[in-house]
Each structure stands twice: as structure tokens, then as C-alpha cells.
Protein backbone atom coordinates (compact mmCIF):
# COMPACT_ATOMS: atom_id res chain seq x y z
CA MET A 1 30.20 -29.41 2.13
CA GLU A 2 31.56 -28.03 5.39
CA ILE A 3 33.55 -24.91 4.46
CA ALA A 4 34.51 -23.97 8.05
CA PRO A 5 33.78 -25.59 11.44
CA ASN A 6 29.99 -25.96 11.76
CA ILE A 7 29.30 -23.97 8.56
CA HIS A 8 27.87 -25.90 5.63
CA ARG A 9 27.42 -24.85 2.00
CA ILE A 10 24.55 -26.60 0.21
CA GLU A 11 24.26 -26.67 -3.57
CA CYS A 12 20.74 -26.10 -4.90
CA THR A 13 19.97 -26.47 -8.61
CA PHE A 14 17.17 -24.86 -10.61
CA GLN A 15 16.23 -23.98 -14.17
CA GLY A 16 18.34 -26.80 -15.55
CA THR A 17 21.89 -25.45 -15.37
CA ARG A 18 21.51 -22.77 -12.69
CA MET A 19 22.61 -23.17 -9.08
CA ALA A 20 22.64 -21.22 -5.85
CA TYR A 21 24.41 -22.07 -2.62
CA VAL A 22 22.56 -21.79 0.68
CA HIS A 23 24.31 -22.05 4.05
CA LEU A 24 23.66 -23.88 7.30
CA PHE A 25 25.25 -22.79 10.59
CA VAL A 26 25.00 -25.47 13.30
CA GLY A 27 25.83 -24.52 16.88
CA GLU A 28 25.48 -26.26 20.23
CA SER A 29 22.13 -24.67 21.04
CA ALA A 30 20.97 -22.91 17.84
CA SER A 31 21.18 -23.26 14.09
CA MET A 32 20.54 -21.02 11.09
CA LEU A 33 19.71 -21.69 7.46
CA VAL A 34 20.59 -18.81 5.13
CA ASP A 35 18.24 -18.79 2.08
CA THR A 36 15.88 -21.44 0.72
CA CYS A 37 16.49 -21.15 -3.07
CA CYS A 38 13.42 -22.02 -5.22
CA VAL A 39 10.16 -23.77 -4.35
CA HIS A 40 11.49 -27.28 -5.00
CA ASN A 41 14.91 -26.92 -3.34
CA PRO A 42 14.04 -27.60 0.32
CA GLU A 43 12.82 -31.09 -0.58
CA GLN A 44 15.28 -31.69 -3.44
CA ASP A 45 18.51 -30.39 -1.90
CA ILE A 46 18.35 -28.76 1.53
CA VAL A 47 16.64 -31.41 3.65
CA PRO A 48 18.61 -34.31 2.07
CA TYR A 49 21.84 -32.50 2.91
CA MET A 50 20.69 -31.86 6.48
CA GLU A 51 19.85 -35.53 6.88
CA SER A 52 23.21 -36.58 5.40
CA ILE A 53 25.05 -34.77 8.24
CA GLY A 54 22.63 -36.03 10.91
CA PHE A 55 20.87 -32.69 11.37
CA ASP A 56 17.13 -32.79 12.09
CA PRO A 57 15.37 -29.94 10.24
CA LYS A 58 12.79 -29.84 13.03
CA SER A 59 15.55 -28.54 15.30
CA LEU A 60 16.31 -25.58 13.01
CA THR A 61 16.22 -22.31 14.98
CA TYR A 62 16.40 -19.59 12.32
CA ILE A 63 15.84 -19.13 8.59
CA LEU A 64 17.47 -15.93 7.37
CA ILE A 65 16.70 -14.76 3.82
CA SER A 66 19.61 -12.79 2.43
CA HIS A 67 17.55 -10.77 -0.05
CA SER A 68 14.52 -10.60 -2.28
CA ASP A 69 15.04 -12.83 -5.33
CA LEU A 70 13.26 -15.95 -6.53
CA ASP A 71 16.32 -18.19 -6.06
CA HIS A 72 16.81 -17.06 -2.46
CA GLN A 73 13.25 -16.88 -1.11
CA GLY A 74 11.28 -19.21 -3.40
CA GLY A 75 11.45 -22.13 -0.97
CA ASN A 76 10.33 -20.17 2.09
CA ALA A 77 6.89 -21.71 2.59
CA PRO A 78 8.03 -25.31 1.91
CA MET A 79 10.97 -24.88 4.28
CA LYS A 80 8.72 -23.37 6.95
CA ARG A 81 6.35 -26.32 6.63
CA ILE A 82 9.29 -28.67 7.17
CA ALA A 83 10.66 -26.60 10.08
CA PRO A 84 7.63 -24.74 11.52
CA GLN A 85 9.48 -23.83 14.70
CA ALA A 86 12.18 -21.87 12.83
CA ILE A 87 11.99 -18.08 13.01
CA MET A 88 12.07 -16.65 9.48
CA MET A 89 13.86 -13.32 9.12
CA CYS A 90 15.02 -10.78 6.55
CA HIS A 91 16.09 -7.14 6.42
CA ASN A 92 13.18 -4.74 6.83
CA LEU A 93 13.96 -3.01 3.50
CA ASP A 94 13.39 -6.21 1.53
CA GLN A 95 10.46 -7.48 3.59
CA PRO A 96 7.59 -6.51 1.21
CA TRP A 97 9.20 -8.38 -1.69
CA ILE A 98 10.10 -11.41 0.45
CA ASP A 99 6.65 -11.68 2.03
CA SER A 100 4.92 -11.82 -1.35
CA ALA A 101 5.95 -13.28 -4.72
CA GLU A 102 3.46 -10.94 -6.41
CA GLU A 103 5.10 -7.89 -4.83
CA LEU A 104 8.54 -9.14 -5.85
CA ILE A 105 7.48 -9.69 -9.46
CA VAL A 106 5.55 -6.44 -9.88
CA ASN A 107 7.89 -4.10 -8.01
CA ARG A 108 11.33 -5.63 -8.65
CA TYR A 109 11.15 -7.67 -11.85
CA MET A 110 8.57 -5.54 -13.68
CA GLN A 111 10.01 -2.17 -12.65
CA TRP A 112 11.37 -1.70 -16.18
CA ASP A 113 8.06 -2.16 -17.98
CA ALA A 114 6.44 1.28 -17.96
CA PRO A 115 9.45 3.64 -17.79
CA HIS A 116 11.62 1.70 -20.25
CA GLY A 117 9.17 0.14 -22.67
CA TYR A 118 9.43 -3.48 -21.58
CA GLU A 119 6.47 -5.85 -21.31
CA THR A 120 6.21 -8.78 -18.93
CA THR A 121 3.71 -11.17 -20.49
CA PRO A 122 1.17 -13.10 -18.38
CA GLU A 123 3.05 -16.27 -19.33
CA ALA A 124 6.37 -14.88 -18.13
CA LYS A 125 4.77 -13.70 -14.90
CA ALA A 126 3.25 -17.15 -14.36
CA ASP A 127 6.67 -18.73 -14.89
CA LEU A 128 8.15 -16.51 -12.19
CA HIS A 129 5.33 -17.39 -9.80
CA SER A 130 5.93 -21.10 -10.41
CA THR A 131 9.43 -20.87 -8.90
CA MET A 132 8.22 -19.47 -5.58
CA ASP A 133 5.99 -20.27 -2.62
CA CYS A 134 6.42 -17.33 -0.27
CA LEU A 135 4.94 -16.32 3.08
CA PRO A 136 5.36 -13.40 5.48
CA VAL A 137 8.51 -13.48 7.60
CA ASP A 138 8.31 -13.67 11.38
CA MET A 139 10.64 -10.75 12.12
CA THR A 140 12.89 -8.23 10.38
CA LEU A 141 16.47 -7.14 10.96
CA GLU A 142 18.53 -3.98 10.42
CA GLY A 143 21.99 -5.54 10.23
CA GLY A 144 24.40 -5.79 13.15
CA GLU A 145 22.30 -8.33 15.07
CA GLN A 146 24.28 -11.12 16.74
CA PHE A 147 22.95 -14.63 17.21
CA ASN A 148 24.07 -16.82 20.10
CA MET A 149 24.65 -20.28 18.63
CA GLY A 150 25.81 -21.76 21.93
CA GLY A 151 29.17 -22.49 23.52
CA GLY A 152 30.23 -18.86 23.22
CA TRP A 153 29.81 -18.82 19.43
CA TYR A 154 28.09 -15.74 18.00
CA ILE A 155 27.43 -14.98 14.33
CA GLU A 156 26.38 -11.61 12.92
CA ALA A 157 23.96 -10.36 10.27
CA VAL A 158 25.79 -7.79 8.12
CA HIS A 159 23.86 -5.29 6.00
CA THR A 160 25.40 -5.45 2.49
CA PRO A 161 23.11 -3.45 0.16
CA GLY A 162 23.65 -2.81 -3.55
CA HIS A 163 22.05 -5.77 -5.26
CA THR A 164 18.94 -4.97 -3.22
CA TRP A 165 18.46 -2.34 -0.52
CA GLY A 166 18.08 -4.93 2.22
CA HIS A 167 20.71 -7.51 1.29
CA LEU A 168 22.19 -9.33 4.30
CA ALA A 169 25.27 -11.50 4.68
CA VAL A 170 26.14 -13.61 7.73
CA TYR A 171 29.63 -13.41 9.28
CA ASP A 172 31.36 -15.78 11.70
CA PRO A 173 34.17 -13.89 13.50
CA VAL A 174 35.69 -17.14 14.82
CA SER A 175 36.53 -18.75 11.48
CA LYS A 176 36.29 -15.37 9.70
CA THR A 177 33.79 -16.87 7.28
CA MET A 178 31.09 -14.95 5.45
CA ALA A 179 28.00 -16.48 3.84
CA ALA A 180 27.79 -13.66 1.34
CA GLY A 181 24.85 -14.29 -0.96
CA GLU A 182 25.08 -11.68 -3.72
CA ALA A 183 26.76 -8.92 -1.75
CA ALA A 184 29.39 -8.88 -4.51
CA LEU A 185 28.60 -10.05 -8.04
CA TRP A 186 32.05 -10.40 -9.69
CA ASN A 187 32.03 -9.89 -13.49
CA ALA A 188 29.34 -12.50 -14.27
CA ILE A 189 26.85 -14.80 -12.58
CA LEU A 190 27.91 -18.41 -13.15
CA ASP A 191 26.05 -21.62 -13.92
CA ILE A 192 26.52 -25.04 -12.34
CA ASP A 193 29.65 -25.67 -14.45
CA TRP A 194 31.14 -22.28 -13.46
CA ASN A 195 30.47 -20.79 -16.89
CA PRO A 196 29.31 -17.14 -17.22
CA VAL A 197 25.56 -17.09 -17.82
CA LEU A 198 24.21 -13.68 -16.72
CA PRO A 199 25.48 -10.16 -16.01
CA PRO A 200 26.16 -9.04 -12.44
CA THR A 201 22.82 -7.64 -11.31
CA TYR A 202 23.93 -4.87 -8.96
CA CYS A 203 21.32 -2.14 -8.90
CA TYR A 204 22.23 0.77 -6.59
CA VAL A 205 25.74 1.67 -7.65
CA ASP A 206 27.04 4.04 -4.98
CA THR A 207 25.61 1.77 -2.29
CA TYR A 208 27.07 -1.31 -4.00
CA LEU A 209 30.54 0.25 -4.21
CA SER A 210 30.35 1.26 -0.55
CA THR A 211 29.44 -2.31 0.40
CA LEU A 212 32.42 -3.65 -1.56
CA GLU A 213 34.76 -1.21 0.21
CA ARG A 214 33.34 -2.26 3.58
CA LEU A 215 33.83 -5.95 2.80
CA MET A 216 37.42 -5.33 1.68
CA SER A 217 38.10 -3.67 5.03
CA MET A 218 36.82 -6.69 7.00
CA ASP A 219 38.88 -9.66 8.11
CA ILE A 220 37.30 -12.31 5.88
CA GLN A 221 39.31 -15.47 5.28
CA VAL A 222 36.52 -17.60 3.79
CA TYR A 223 34.03 -15.89 1.48
CA SER A 224 31.20 -18.12 0.29
CA PRO A 225 28.92 -16.43 -2.29
CA ALA A 226 25.70 -17.73 -3.81
CA HIS A 227 26.74 -18.34 -7.43
CA TRP A 228 30.52 -18.56 -7.32
CA GLN A 229 33.28 -20.73 -5.88
CA VAL A 230 34.40 -20.33 -2.28
CA GLN A 231 37.11 -17.66 -2.05
CA ARG A 232 39.87 -18.06 0.54
CA GLY A 233 42.69 -15.86 1.79
CA SER A 234 43.93 -13.41 -0.83
CA GLN A 235 41.22 -14.60 -3.24
CA VAL A 236 38.61 -12.78 -1.17
CA ASN A 237 39.73 -9.25 -1.94
CA GLU A 238 40.57 -10.23 -5.53
CA PHE A 239 36.93 -11.28 -5.95
CA LEU A 240 35.70 -8.06 -4.35
CA ARG A 241 38.04 -5.85 -6.40
CA GLU A 242 36.93 -7.53 -9.61
CA SER A 243 33.31 -6.87 -8.60
CA ARG A 244 34.11 -3.17 -8.18
CA ASN A 245 36.22 -2.94 -11.32
CA TYR A 246 33.55 -4.52 -13.50
CA CYS A 247 30.94 -2.03 -12.27
CA LEU A 248 33.25 0.88 -13.13
CA HIS A 249 34.18 -0.77 -16.46
CA VAL A 250 30.49 -0.85 -17.44
CA GLU A 251 30.08 2.77 -16.40
CA LYS A 252 32.96 3.91 -18.62
CA HIS A 253 31.50 2.07 -21.62
CA LEU A 254 28.11 3.69 -21.04
CA LEU A 255 29.64 7.16 -20.77
CA ASP A 256 31.65 6.60 -23.96
CA TYR A 257 28.49 5.37 -25.68
CA ALA A 258 26.56 8.46 -24.61
CA SER A 259 29.15 10.68 -26.29
CA THR A 260 28.33 9.04 -29.65
CA MET A 261 24.53 9.31 -29.36
CA GLU A 262 22.13 12.22 -29.48
CA SER A 263 19.96 10.30 -27.02
CA PHE A 264 19.27 6.66 -26.18
CA THR A 265 16.97 4.38 -24.20
CA LEU A 266 17.91 1.65 -21.76
CA LYS A 267 17.02 -0.93 -24.42
CA GLN A 268 19.34 0.72 -26.93
CA ALA A 269 22.20 0.83 -24.43
CA ILE A 270 21.77 -2.86 -23.67
CA ASP A 271 21.67 -3.78 -27.37
CA ASP A 272 24.71 -1.69 -28.28
CA VAL A 273 26.92 -1.79 -25.17
CA GLY A 274 25.89 -5.15 -23.74
CA PRO A 275 27.92 -7.27 -26.20
CA LYS A 276 31.05 -5.25 -25.37
CA VAL A 277 30.91 -6.03 -21.64
CA SER A 278 29.57 -9.60 -21.65
CA THR A 279 31.32 -12.98 -21.64
CA TRP A 280 28.15 -15.06 -21.89
CA ASP A 281 25.57 -15.88 -24.54
CA GLU A 282 23.70 -12.70 -25.46
CA SER A 283 20.41 -14.33 -24.46
CA GLY A 284 21.38 -13.39 -20.89
CA ASN A 285 21.78 -9.69 -21.67
CA GLY A 286 18.17 -8.89 -20.76
CA LEU A 287 19.23 -8.71 -17.11
CA PHE A 288 21.53 -5.80 -17.93
CA THR A 289 18.45 -3.76 -17.01
CA PHE A 290 19.60 -3.88 -13.37
CA PRO A 291 23.25 -2.76 -13.66
CA PHE A 292 22.90 -0.52 -16.73
CA ASN A 293 20.03 1.42 -15.19
CA GLY A 294 22.02 1.70 -11.97
CA ASN A 295 25.09 3.05 -13.76
CA LEU A 296 23.02 5.44 -15.90
CA GLU A 297 21.21 6.77 -12.82
CA ARG A 298 24.58 7.34 -11.13
CA LEU A 299 25.99 9.17 -14.17
CA THR A 300 22.85 11.33 -14.17
CA GLN A 301 23.20 12.15 -10.48
CA ARG A 302 26.82 13.17 -11.09
CA GLY A 303 25.70 15.57 -13.83
CA LEU A 304 27.44 13.67 -16.64
CA LEU A 305 24.18 12.61 -18.31
CA THR A 306 20.77 14.23 -18.63
CA GLN A 307 17.59 12.17 -18.23
CA SER A 308 14.32 13.01 -19.97
CA ARG A 309 11.37 11.34 -21.74
CA ASN A 310 10.76 10.81 -25.45
CA ASP A 311 7.45 11.16 -27.29
CA ASP A 312 6.46 7.65 -26.14
CA ASN A 313 7.08 8.63 -22.50
CA ILE A 314 10.09 6.30 -22.35
CA ILE A 315 13.12 7.41 -20.32
CA ILE A 316 16.05 8.52 -22.46
CA TRP A 317 19.54 9.77 -21.65
CA SER A 318 21.85 12.19 -23.40
CA LYS A 319 25.32 13.58 -22.72
CA SER A 320 25.23 16.69 -20.54
């Protein structure tokens, strides 16, 4: 659907009931696709939409990957084969994980294994690989770059870290529209029917909160995120405030929990606190590793918790 003049929002489905929205900016002399979703989505969803609006994918100028995650970069190689002339870009901080599915899996998805006692099985790792066909990007960005789309229309890459260090959004100052990806994660990630399915996977809390404050200070009238409905007008800051409030809500629960425990692991916190801050089936609580670890690290940095290791060399926290 066209959410603002020359800005299209394309629904991509994966894993049965999951969806992610990618965006297509079409100018007089240049065009940009933001994200490629999973390995099957260029052929299943993106190209058919392009053809439905009379856009030739072989005229695509840029492919910008908002951040390193399987449902945002998994279709990179298939999309590049369809549009070989397009320049593929991402933020330099996320480049290693976007260039390589193996790097993404080992260094982002498996980061909990050794320090927190998790184990990613070979089967689980193979499943993750099956969603992605990655390749090295052509160039990297820092945020702040402007792209001339023709006819005096410029759009801007905005650095919006927190979910990952190198997360990028794309802003159109003419229609005041932002293709936001997962710059803000509300109080749940939603499925194709708009039901809560997973926790918000922010990771770097101070950075995430700073990004939310920056977005609330911008003039955004149309905010189009990856896993949520389009937000317009006053809805934009309501969505951003709820994203901030949920993060702080989780942090309070974790601090209260710490006051009742001699010490605890990340797994224990997820098992005990997760049900109190979730609105989805508990099978999704495994991804609390991202936000809970982020909040616990922040509480440690503020001196409210102490971090150490138990006899099994697993990270534990206790109240300072």
C-alpha cells in the first residue's frame, strides 16, 4: 500500500503467522528498497508488489538494510540477483552481521550461550540459516546521509540504535514519513493478525531510550514500523512513549525481583519475571534474553545490581 506519496509499504510473511513490512521509495530518478525480509520474500512478496504498481525491479537504485536480523536481511542475495544494479547498504556497525548469516547467528543469536548457559543446537542453527541468503553489502553508512530521488526530493538515513548498534530508519521530510523498522518496539512484537507474539527485543537500553527521545523530538506525521500498524499524527508519539514506558516497566520488575533473591541468572529472571510482563504465549519468552539482559546490564552500570559468576561460570546478578 502507498502510505505517503511515492512511499510504499509491502507486507512480507514468514514462519506461518509472522510478518514484516519493507518499504519502497520511488522517485523521478532514483528508488530505494528498505529491507528484504527472509530468503523467500523477494520472490513471494516484494517483486510481485513492485510489478503490481508498474515498477521494474531492474530499475531499483538502492537497497538499504535497516539492521542485522534474519527477517530484514535474509532476502539480500535473492533481491540482489533480481536487481543486480542496486547498491546494497547498511550502517557500518551492523555490517559484519549483515554480510554473513554465520556471523549473525554466532555473534548475535548465540551470544547468550556461553555466559548464560544456553545451547543453540545444530538443528536450531540450521533452521536459522535456512531463512537467509546473505552477501556482503556494497557500501556502509553512518546515518545522516541524504539521497537525491529526483525532482528536488531528498530522503535521509537516520541512525536509530538500541535494537542493534547500527539500526537505520529512513525519513522523508516532505511527507514527514519515517520507514522505522524496529527503531521502537512498543510493548510486544505482533503477528500477521496484530496479536502479541514476542517481547520487544531492544538490547542496549540507554541507547534505545535516547533513540526514542530523539524520535519524539522529530516532526514525524507518518510512522511505519516493521511489525506494527502505521501510526499517524498523535499516534506516533503515543507509540514511542509506550515503547519507552514498557522498557522502564520491565526494569522496575527486574529490580523488584532482585530484592527478593540472593542471586539469580538470566534464565531464572526470564522464568520468574517474564510471565509478569508478557501479553503473549509464554513460548515466546525465550527472546526476553535481549531486553532482560539489556535492563540488567543497565542496572549494573548504575550500581543498583552486582554482576558476578557462579560455580558453573554462568553470569549471576544480586542486589547491591
